């Protein structure tokens, strides 16, 4: 079997899917790409048994065939080759010979029959969404996903579908993000949890533009199709916590601040906070917000004042500064509104300006104040 492909085009495509491959895998064949050639079309597949990603590209080939090629050595060699046509020759023992303008490189491939089969798209529901809508939703929620494997439901993003739109929710029990879009219509009221890894892969592989994506799902898997790139991943089989009961219905106090000023102040003051809690106390009176942090063990202390617009009674409340900084980073608007009630109730952050077809709400749990 023989085919010719551009080195830079192949590298670009392989970089999109190489993130699927784990460094230490159970099966050696999972360290390989599966190459499938049929009528001048090349399909390359990568999998870790939970997630499958594949790309399609045009090549020059007279025959059809399949081979598994070790991913790391192939990627390392392509990164060091200037842009040029490469000729791949594969013999019946799966030995791969790559010929460039000035060189010849050999690597031992593996039998493609040992490569895991990808899940079949049976009994699926499908709908279309723009690429940028999905990328935006992932960027706004992924940071709040939990890393606690003992609570598997929280280790992914919860997709809630209905005919009026889509809601994405992520929480790690300390903070929660709910992002809703109304510019997509789903065929049925449904919900599922997508793990963190495939979402990270989609975030880098998908363009932030209006390309149409086809999303299909069944009870076990999610299928995302973007022209020449496809992803299949196993869904998390667990029940997502009832997030609606966590969001306070009535937080009467409202503080509006400049997002960048607030973020900058938090960054500066949190340097002096206790490293295990990152606690920063907010003291809000009238049109002034005071931020204070201290680490008693080292006699560190940091204080700052900044302007804000505030409606409500004077309030002192403490938060984990790291969580607040991450939440502010995922908020697009110049100003944010914080809705508060008591020092022990969750604070809600919302961007002051939002697009008409999207709604973002972020919640963060307070910390006990160090008295």
Protein backbone atom coordinates (compact mmCIF):
# COMPACT_ATOMS: atom_id res chain seq x y z
CA UNK A 1 0.00 0.00 0.00
CA UNK A 2 1.31 3.44 -0.93
CA UNK A 3 0.05 7.01 -0.58
CA UNK A 4 1.38 10.58 -0.92
CA UNK A 5 0.43 13.39 1.47
CA UNK A 6 1.65 16.91 2.32
CA UNK A 7 3.73 16.84 5.53
CA UNK A 8 2.34 20.12 6.95
CA UNK A 9 -1.29 19.27 6.10
CA UNK A 10 -0.93 15.87 7.79
CA UNK A 11 0.71 17.38 10.88
CA UNK A 12 -2.02 20.01 11.20
CA UNK A 13 -4.74 17.36 11.09
CA UNK A 14 -2.97 14.96 13.46
CA UNK A 15 -2.45 17.75 16.01
CA UNK A 16 -6.22 18.11 16.24
CA UNK A 17 -6.69 14.52 17.36
CA UNK A 18 -3.40 13.65 19.09
CA UNK A 19 -4.74 14.96 22.42
CA UNK A 20 -6.98 11.88 22.66
CA UNK A 21 -3.97 9.61 23.14
CA UNK A 22 -2.96 9.09 26.78
CA UNK A 23 0.71 8.95 27.77
CA UNK A 24 0.40 5.71 29.72
CA UNK A 25 -2.20 3.47 28.13
CA UNK A 26 -3.44 0.02 29.07
CA UNK A 27 -3.11 -1.32 25.54
CA UNK A 28 0.01 -0.50 23.47
CA UNK A 29 -2.13 -0.14 20.32
CA UNK A 30 -3.86 2.89 21.90
CA UNK A 31 -0.55 4.75 21.41
CA UNK A 32 -1.11 4.49 17.63
CA UNK A 33 -3.07 6.34 14.98
CA UNK A 34 -5.20 4.13 12.75
CA UNK A 35 -4.71 5.12 9.08
CA UNK A 36 -7.44 4.03 6.66
CA UNK A 37 -7.06 4.73 2.94
CA UNK A 38 -9.84 4.47 0.41
CA UNK A 39 -9.96 6.11 -3.04
CA UNK A 40 -7.71 9.14 -2.44
CA UNK A 41 -9.25 9.69 0.99
CA UNK A 42 -7.32 9.24 4.22
CA UNK A 43 -9.10 8.79 7.57
CA UNK A 44 -6.98 8.89 10.73
CA UNK A 45 -8.45 7.68 14.04
CA UNK A 46 -7.21 8.12 17.62
CA UNK A 47 -8.88 6.66 20.72
CA UNK A 48 -8.43 6.11 24.46
CA UNK A 49 -11.44 3.70 24.59
CA UNK A 50 -13.65 6.48 26.07
CA UNK A 51 -13.19 9.10 23.34
CA UNK A 52 -12.64 8.59 19.61
CA UNK A 53 -11.55 11.37 17.28
CA UNK A 54 -11.06 11.12 13.55
CA UNK A 55 -10.13 13.37 10.65
CA UNK A 56 -10.56 12.98 6.89
CA UNK A 57 -8.23 14.43 4.26
CA UNK A 58 -7.54 14.14 0.54
CA UNK A 59 -4.36 12.35 -0.52
CA UNK A 60 -2.90 10.65 -3.59
CA UNK A 61 -3.40 6.89 -3.41
CA UNK A 62 -4.03 4.11 -5.91
CA UNK A 63 -5.01 1.36 -3.49
CA UNK A 64 -6.95 0.96 -0.26
CA UNK A 65 -5.73 -0.37 3.06
CA UNK A 66 -5.29 0.11 6.80
CA UNK A 67 -2.33 0.34 9.17
CA UNK A 68 -1.63 1.49 12.74
CA UNK A 69 1.34 3.88 13.10
CA UNK A 70 2.87 4.86 16.50
CA UNK A 71 1.66 8.40 17.16
CA UNK A 72 4.58 9.92 19.06
CA UNK A 73 7.35 9.11 16.59
CA UNK A 74 5.17 10.11 13.63
CA UNK A 75 4.27 13.47 15.21
CA UNK A 76 7.89 14.15 16.27
CA UNK A 77 9.20 13.46 12.75
CA UNK A 78 6.49 15.58 11.04
CA UNK A 79 7.22 18.53 13.36
CA UNK A 80 10.83 18.56 12.16
CA UNK A 81 10.13 18.22 8.43
CA UNK A 82 9.71 21.28 6.19
CA UNK A 83 6.53 21.43 4.11
CA UNK A 84 6.85 18.86 1.30
CA UNK A 85 5.08 15.80 -0.16
CA UNK A 86 5.77 12.58 1.77
CA UNK A 87 5.40 9.10 0.31
CA UNK A 88 4.23 6.38 2.70
CA UNK A 89 4.94 2.76 1.71
CA UNK A 90 3.42 0.01 3.87
CA UNK A 91 4.32 -3.64 3.31
CA UNK A 92 2.32 -6.73 4.26
CA UNK A 93 4.04 -6.93 7.69
CA UNK A 94 2.90 -3.35 8.45
CA UNK A 95 6.41 -1.88 8.21
CA UNK A 96 6.04 1.80 7.28
CA UNK A 97 8.62 3.56 5.12
CA UNK A 98 8.31 7.35 4.79
CA UNK A 99 10.23 9.00 1.95
CA UNK A 100 10.81 12.77 1.88
CA UNK A 101 12.81 14.94 -0.56
CA UNK A 102 16.09 14.17 1.19
CA UNK A 103 15.48 11.24 3.47
CA UNK A 104 13.98 7.89 4.22
CA UNK A 105 12.51 6.94 7.61
CA UNK A 106 11.29 3.56 8.81
CA UNK A 107 8.92 2.73 11.61
CA UNK A 108 7.21 -0.52 12.54
CA UNK A 109 3.43 -0.27 12.29
CA UNK A 110 0.89 -2.63 13.86
CA UNK A 111 -1.98 -4.78 12.68
CA UNK A 112 -5.07 -2.56 12.27
CA UNK A 113 -7.40 -5.45 13.18
CA UNK A 114 -6.29 -5.03 16.82
CA UNK A 115 -7.40 -1.39 16.91
CA UNK A 116 -10.60 -0.89 18.99
CA UNK A 117 -13.83 -0.52 17.05
CA UNK A 118 -15.62 2.78 17.42
CA UNK A 119 -19.16 2.88 18.88
CA UNK A 120 -22.01 2.74 16.38
CA UNK A 121 -24.38 5.71 16.14
CA UNK A 122 -27.57 3.72 16.79
CA UNK A 123 -30.91 5.22 17.93
CA UNK A 124 -29.58 8.76 17.97
CA UNK A 125 -31.32 12.10 18.21
CA UNK A 126 -29.66 14.90 16.22
CA UNK A 127 -29.67 18.68 15.97
CA UNK A 128 -27.46 21.40 14.50
CA UNK A 129 -25.59 24.14 16.34
CA UNK A 130 -22.96 26.65 15.25
CA UNK A 131 -19.38 25.88 16.11
CA UNK A 132 -18.89 29.17 17.97
CA UNK A 133 -22.00 28.53 20.11
CA UNK A 134 -20.57 25.22 21.35
CA UNK A 135 -17.02 26.58 21.81
CA UNK A 136 -18.39 29.55 23.82
CA UNK A 137 -20.47 27.24 26.02
CA UNK A 138 -17.43 25.03 26.72
CA UNK A 139 -15.23 28.05 27.54
CA UNK A 140 -17.81 29.46 29.94
CA UNK A 141 -18.43 26.24 31.88
CA UNK A 142 -15.38 23.97 31.76
CA UNK A 143 -13.39 25.76 34.49
CA UNK A 144 -16.09 24.98 37.08
CA UNK A 145 -16.07 21.20 36.45
CA UNK A 146 -15.03 19.09 39.46
CA UNK A 147 -11.90 16.89 39.47
CA UNK A 148 -13.31 14.67 42.22
CA UNK A 149 -13.65 11.14 40.78
CA UNK A 150 -15.76 10.13 43.79
CA UNK A 151 -18.52 12.34 42.41
CA UNK A 152 -18.50 11.32 38.74
CA UNK A 153 -21.61 13.35 37.82
CA UNK A 154 -19.72 16.57 38.55
CA UNK A 155 -16.66 15.66 36.45
CA UNK A 156 -18.40 16.78 33.26
CA UNK A 157 -20.67 19.47 31.86
CA UNK A 158 -24.42 18.85 32.07
CA UNK A 159 -26.24 19.49 28.77
CA UNK A 160 -29.96 20.19 29.19
CA UNK A 161 -31.92 20.25 25.93
CA UNK A 162 -35.36 21.50 25.07
CA UNK A 163 -37.19 22.93 22.07
CA UNK A 164 -36.49 26.52 23.18
CA UNK A 165 -32.76 26.14 23.61
CA UNK A 166 -29.86 24.53 25.46
CA UNK A 167 -28.57 24.95 28.99
CA UNK A 168 -25.03 23.98 30.04
CA UNK A 169 -24.26 23.56 33.74
CA UNK A 170 -21.01 22.81 35.56
CA UNK A 171 -20.33 22.70 39.29
CA UNK A 172 -17.72 21.48 41.76
CA UNK A 173 -19.94 22.14 44.85
CA UNK A 174 -18.07 25.42 45.57
CA UNK A 175 -19.21 27.27 42.46
CA UNK A 176 -21.72 26.72 39.70
CA UNK A 177 -22.05 28.06 36.15
CA UNK A 178 -25.29 27.99 34.17
CA UNK A 179 -25.09 29.13 30.56
CA UNK A 180 -28.21 29.15 28.42
CA UNK A 181 -28.58 29.71 24.67
CA UNK A 182 -31.87 30.20 22.87
CA UNK A 183 -30.54 30.24 19.28
CA UNK A 184 -30.68 26.45 18.94
CA UNK A 185 -33.68 24.15 18.84
CA UNK A 186 -33.35 20.57 20.10
CA UNK A 187 -35.66 17.77 18.96
CA UNK A 188 -36.66 16.64 22.46
CA UNK A 189 -36.40 17.44 26.15
CA UNK A 190 -33.27 15.55 27.13
CA UNK A 191 -30.15 15.73 29.25
CA UNK A 192 -26.72 14.10 29.47
CA UNK A 193 -23.29 14.71 31.02
CA UNK A 194 -20.24 15.12 28.76
CA UNK A 195 -16.81 14.41 30.34
CA UNK A 196 -14.13 17.10 30.61
CA UNK A 197 -11.53 15.56 28.27
CA UNK A 198 -13.61 15.44 25.05
CA UNK A 199 -14.84 18.98 25.72
CA UNK A 200 -11.25 20.18 26.03
CA UNK A 201 -10.45 18.44 22.72
CA UNK A 202 -13.46 20.04 21.00
CA UNK A 203 -12.46 23.47 22.31
CA UNK A 204 -9.12 23.26 20.50
CA UNK A 205 -10.28 21.38 17.38
CA UNK A 206 -13.37 23.44 16.53
CA UNK A 207 -13.18 26.88 14.87
CA UNK A 208 -14.79 29.84 16.64
CA UNK A 209 -17.04 30.66 13.67
CA UNK A 210 -20.51 30.01 12.28
CA UNK A 211 -19.73 26.57 10.81
CA UNK A 212 -22.63 24.16 11.33
CA UNK A 213 -21.99 21.22 13.64
CA UNK A 214 -24.16 18.16 13.71
CA UNK A 215 -24.60 16.84 17.25
CA UNK A 216 -26.12 13.39 17.78
CA UNK A 217 -26.52 11.43 20.99
CA UNK A 218 -27.97 8.21 22.34
CA UNK A 219 -28.10 6.82 25.86
CA UNK A 220 -24.34 6.10 25.99
CA UNK A 221 -22.49 8.30 23.50
CA UNK A 222 -22.25 11.80 22.06
CA UNK A 223 -21.30 12.27 18.37
CA UNK A 224 -20.02 15.64 17.10
CA UNK A 225 -19.52 16.07 13.37
CA UNK A 226 -17.71 19.07 11.88
CA UNK A 227 -16.98 18.44 8.20
CA UNK A 228 -13.63 16.66 8.17
CA UNK A 229 -13.39 16.21 11.95
CA UNK A 230 -15.50 13.90 14.10
CA UNK A 231 -15.57 13.11 17.80
CA UNK A 232 -17.37 10.35 19.66
CA UNK A 233 -17.28 10.14 23.44
CA UNK A 234 -18.87 8.03 26.13
CA UNK A 235 -21.28 9.99 28.33
CA UNK A 236 -20.99 9.94 32.12
CA UNK A 237 -23.48 7.45 33.50
CA UNK A 238 -24.54 9.29 36.65
CA UNK A 239 -27.24 11.62 37.87
CA UNK A 240 -26.41 15.31 37.86
CA UNK A 241 -27.34 17.11 41.11
CA UNK A 242 -30.48 19.25 41.03
CA UNK A 243 -28.74 22.55 40.36
CA UNK A 244 -31.95 24.62 40.40
CA UNK A 245 -32.38 24.25 44.18
CA UNK A 246 -28.89 25.67 44.79
CA UNK A 247 -29.51 28.98 42.99
CA UNK A 248 -30.98 31.47 45.50
CA UNK A 249 -34.32 32.83 44.31
CA UNK A 250 -33.98 36.15 46.08
CA UNK A 251 -30.68 37.95 46.60
CA UNK A 252 -31.86 41.52 47.28
CA UNK A 253 -28.48 43.34 47.48
CA UNK A 254 -26.87 44.34 44.20
CA UNK A 255 -23.29 45.47 43.61
CA UNK A 256 -22.04 46.55 40.18
CA UNK A 257 -18.28 46.82 39.58
CA UNK A 258 -15.84 47.05 36.70
CA UNK A 259 -14.83 43.49 35.89
CA UNK A 260 -11.16 44.22 35.16
CA UNK A 261 -10.73 46.48 38.23
CA UNK A 262 -12.33 43.87 40.50
CA UNK A 263 -10.25 41.08 39.00
CA UNK A 264 -7.03 43.10 39.35
CA UNK A 265 -7.78 43.98 42.99
CA UNK A 266 -8.55 40.33 43.81
CA UNK A 267 -5.29 39.21 42.19
CA UNK A 268 -3.23 41.73 44.18
CA UNK A 269 -4.93 41.19 47.54
CA UNK A 270 -5.12 37.38 47.28
CA UNK A 271 -1.29 37.21 47.22
CA UNK A 272 -1.51 37.89 50.98
CA UNK A 273 -4.30 35.37 51.69
CA UNK A 274 -4.02 32.01 53.39
CA UNK A 275 -2.83 29.60 50.69
CA UNK A 276 -5.22 26.81 51.69
CA UNK A 277 -8.40 28.90 51.57
CA UNK A 278 -7.46 31.90 49.32
CA UNK A 279 -9.93 33.82 51.46
CA UNK A 280 -10.60 37.46 50.59
CA UNK A 281 -13.20 39.38 52.63
CA UNK A 282 -15.39 41.91 50.82
CA UNK A 283 -16.66 44.80 52.90
CA UNK A 284 -19.35 46.68 50.97
CA UNK A 285 -20.67 50.05 52.16
CA UNK A 286 -22.44 52.60 49.98
CA UNK A 287 -20.28 53.20 46.93
CA UNK A 288 -17.11 51.61 48.28
CA UNK A 289 -15.86 48.05 48.20
CA UNK A 290 -12.99 47.08 50.50
CA UNK A 291 -11.04 43.89 49.90
CA UNK A 292 -8.99 42.37 52.72
CA UNK A 293 -6.88 39.23 52.99
CA UNK A 294 -4.55 37.93 55.64
CA UNK A 295 -2.43 34.94 56.45
CA UNK A 296 -2.13 34.86 60.24
CA UNK A 297 0.60 32.19 60.20
CA UNK A 298 3.01 34.48 58.33
CA UNK A 299 1.63 37.88 59.42
CA UNK A 300 0.77 38.72 55.79
CA UNK A 301 -1.95 41.27 55.15
CA UNK A 302 -3.36 42.99 52.06
CA UNK A 303 -6.10 45.63 51.77
CA UNK A 304 -7.53 47.60 48.84
CA UNK A 305 -10.40 49.97 48.23
CA UNK A 306 -12.33 50.43 45.01
CA UNK A 307 -15.48 52.15 43.77
CA UNK A 308 -18.71 50.23 43.18
CA UNK A 309 -22.42 50.86 42.81
CA UNK A 310 -24.29 49.14 45.63
CA UNK A 311 -27.92 48.88 46.63
CA UNK A 312 -28.47 47.19 49.97
CA UNK A 313 -27.42 47.07 53.61
CA UNK A 314 -23.75 47.16 54.55
CA UNK A 315 -22.34 43.68 54.13
CA UNK A 316 -19.18 41.76 54.90
CA UNK A 317 -18.78 38.46 53.05
CA UNK A 318 -15.77 36.29 52.22
CA UNK A 319 -15.01 34.23 49.10
CA UNK A 320 -12.24 32.09 47.67
CA UNK A 321 -10.42 34.68 45.52
CA UNK A 322 -9.18 32.03 43.05
CA UNK A 323 -12.77 31.02 42.28
CA UNK A 324 -13.89 34.63 41.85
CA UNK A 325 -10.95 35.42 39.51
CA UNK A 326 -11.78 32.38 37.32
CA UNK A 327 -15.46 33.32 37.23
CA UNK A 328 -14.63 36.90 36.21
CA UNK A 329 -12.29 35.60 33.48
CA UNK A 330 -15.22 33.68 31.93
CA UNK A 331 -17.46 36.76 31.97
CA UNK A 332 -17.34 38.77 28.74
CA UNK A 333 -18.84 42.12 29.80
CA UNK A 334 -17.00 45.23 31.03
CA UNK A 335 -19.09 45.36 34.21
CA UNK A 336 -20.44 42.58 36.42
CA UNK A 337 -23.33 42.57 38.82
CA UNK A 338 -23.07 40.64 42.05
CA UNK A 339 -26.31 39.68 43.79
CA UNK A 340 -25.90 39.02 47.53
CA UNK A 341 -28.01 38.58 50.65
CA UNK A 342 -26.26 37.34 53.82
CA UNK A 343 -22.64 36.34 54.60
CA UNK A 344 -23.63 32.64 54.51
CA UNK A 345 -25.67 32.60 51.30
CA UNK A 346 -24.24 32.03 47.81
CA UNK A 347 -23.36 35.09 45.75
CA UNK A 348 -24.55 35.30 42.13
CA UNK A 349 -22.52 37.01 39.39
CA UNK A 350 -23.97 38.07 36.05
CA UNK A 351 -22.51 40.13 33.21
CA UNK A 352 -24.23 43.52 32.95
CA UNK A 353 -24.40 43.30 29.12
CA UNK A 354 -25.46 39.99 27.54
CA UNK A 355 -26.37 39.01 23.99
CA UNK A 356 -30.09 38.60 23.47
CA UNK A 357 -29.85 34.85 22.79
CA UNK A 358 -27.61 33.96 25.73
CA UNK A 359 -27.84 34.09 29.50
CA UNK A 360 -24.95 33.51 31.87
CA UNK A 361 -25.29 33.02 35.62
CA UNK A 362 -22.41 32.14 37.94
CA UNK A 363 -22.73 31.24 41.58
CA UNK A 364 -20.03 31.05 44.22
CA UNK A 365 -20.35 29.77 47.80
CA UNK A 366 -19.05 32.06 50.56
CA UNK A 367 -16.38 31.11 53.10
CA UNK A 368 -16.77 31.49 56.87
CA UNK A 369 -15.32 34.85 57.87
CA UNK A 370 -12.17 34.74 59.98
CA UNK A 371 -13.22 36.65 63.07
